[in-house]
């Protein structure tokens, strides 16, 4: 499967009580595709307002580690469309349409 190299660049994200740790999803030529941040303790989620391939993961996808975030995004960002990413997610073991609203690693 084709992949692209990405970097999860640590940043501070603003929250009501100050700041929390987060990561910009940075691709080739320092293009920021979105961001990752922790949720519910040991889980992570991703989001993007600009890249439909990240949006294809759905609302608040959950990952159990930053390594899974990076691995999945290196695959997804090598794809040519959101539809291709959606198909890959649905066909993979990552998809759980029963207990977790669609996507959990």
Protein backbone atom coordinates (compact mmCIF):
# COMPACT_ATOMS: atom_id res chain seq x y z
CA UNK A 1 0.00 0.00 0.00
CA UNK A 2 1.32 3.43 -0.95
CA UNK A 3 2.26 5.80 1.89
CA UNK A 4 3.57 9.33 2.35
CA UNK A 5 5.78 10.57 5.14
CA UNK A 6 4.15 12.84 7.72
CA UNK A 7 5.35 14.45 10.91
CA UNK A 8 3.28 14.90 14.06
CA UNK A 9 4.65 18.24 15.22
CA UNK A 10 3.93 18.93 18.88
CA UNK A 11 2.16 22.22 19.66
CA UNK A 12 0.14 23.73 22.51
CA UNK A 13 -3.60 23.99 21.86
CA UNK A 14 -5.79 26.53 23.64
CA UNK A 15 -8.51 25.23 25.98
CA UNK A 16 -10.71 26.90 28.59
CA UNK A 17 -8.26 26.22 31.41
CA UNK A 18 -5.16 27.29 29.45
CA UNK A 19 -3.38 24.90 27.10
CA UNK A 20 -3.08 21.21 26.28
CA UNK A 21 -0.67 19.20 24.19
CA UNK A 22 -1.56 18.64 20.54
CA UNK A 23 0.12 17.84 17.23
CA UNK A 24 -0.06 19.40 13.78
CA UNK A 25 -0.25 16.81 11.01
CA UNK A 26 2.51 18.04 8.70
CA UNK A 27 3.18 16.63 5.26
CA UNK A 28 5.60 17.39 2.46
CA UNK A 29 6.66 21.01 1.98
CA UNK A 30 5.54 21.76 5.58
CA UNK A 31 1.86 21.59 4.57
CA UNK A 32 -0.39 21.32 7.64
CA UNK A 33 -3.20 18.87 6.89
CA UNK A 34 -4.90 18.96 10.29
CA UNK A 35 -4.24 18.26 13.94
CA UNK A 36 -4.31 15.48 16.51
CA UNK A 37 -5.01 15.83 20.21
CA UNK A 38 -5.72 13.65 23.24
CA UNK A 39 -9.25 12.79 24.36
CA UNK A 40 -10.50 10.65 27.24
CA UNK A 41 -7.12 10.06 28.82
CA UNK A 42 -5.16 7.65 26.64
CA UNK A 43 -7.11 8.10 23.38
CA UNK A 44 -6.35 10.48 20.51
CA UNK A 45 -8.48 12.02 17.78
CA UNK A 46 -7.77 13.86 14.51
CA UNK A 47 -9.47 16.70 12.69
CA UNK A 48 -9.08 18.94 9.66
CA UNK A 49 -11.08 21.80 8.24
CA UNK A 50 -9.23 21.64 4.92
CA UNK A 51 -8.29 18.06 3.98
CA UNK A 52 -11.22 15.82 2.98
CA UNK A 53 -9.05 12.70 3.38
CA UNK A 54 -8.79 13.39 7.13
CA UNK A 55 -12.47 14.40 7.26
CA UNK A 56 -13.27 10.96 5.77
CA UNK A 57 -12.40 9.39 9.13
CA UNK A 58 -15.65 10.87 10.42
CA UNK A 59 -16.55 12.89 13.46
CA UNK A 60 -14.14 12.35 16.39
CA UNK A 61 -12.35 9.17 15.27
CA UNK A 62 -10.53 7.51 18.17
CA UNK A 63 -7.02 6.07 18.11
CA UNK A 64 -5.29 4.25 20.95
CA UNK A 65 -1.85 5.74 20.23
CA UNK A 66 -0.05 8.42 18.27
CA UNK A 67 1.70 5.63 16.36
CA UNK A 68 -1.70 4.51 15.02
CA UNK A 69 -2.55 8.10 14.12
CA UNK A 70 0.69 8.43 12.18
CA UNK A 71 0.44 5.01 10.48
CA UNK A 72 -3.15 5.54 9.32
CA UNK A 73 -2.53 9.08 8.12
CA UNK A 74 0.57 8.06 6.17
CA UNK A 75 -1.73 5.67 4.27
CA UNK A 76 -4.76 7.98 3.99
CA UNK A 77 -2.81 11.03 2.81
CA UNK A 78 -1.28 8.95 0.00
CA UNK A 79 -4.80 8.35 -1.35
CA UNK A 80 -6.37 10.57 -3.98
CA UNK A 81 -9.82 11.18 -2.46
CA UNK A 82 -12.00 11.05 0.62
CA UNK A 83 -14.05 8.29 -1.02
CA UNK A 84 -10.93 6.13 -1.33
CA UNK A 85 -10.13 6.70 2.38
CA UNK A 86 -13.72 5.87 3.41
CA UNK A 87 -13.61 2.62 1.42
CA UNK A 88 -10.27 1.66 2.99
CA UNK A 89 -11.58 2.34 6.52
CA UNK A 90 -14.78 0.35 5.95
CA UNK A 91 -12.86 -2.62 4.56
CA UNK A 92 -10.27 -2.59 7.34
CA UNK A 93 -10.40 -3.99 10.85
CA UNK A 94 -10.50 -0.39 12.07
CA UNK A 95 -14.19 0.02 11.30
CA UNK A 96 -16.70 -0.74 14.06
CA UNK A 97 -20.23 0.28 13.14
CA UNK A 98 -21.74 -1.26 16.26
CA UNK A 99 -20.33 0.05 19.51
CA UNK A 100 -18.26 3.13 18.76
CA UNK A 101 -20.19 5.21 16.27
CA UNK A 102 -18.11 4.03 13.34
CA UNK A 103 -14.38 4.08 14.03
CA UNK A 104 -12.08 2.93 16.79
CA UNK A 105 -8.58 1.50 16.70
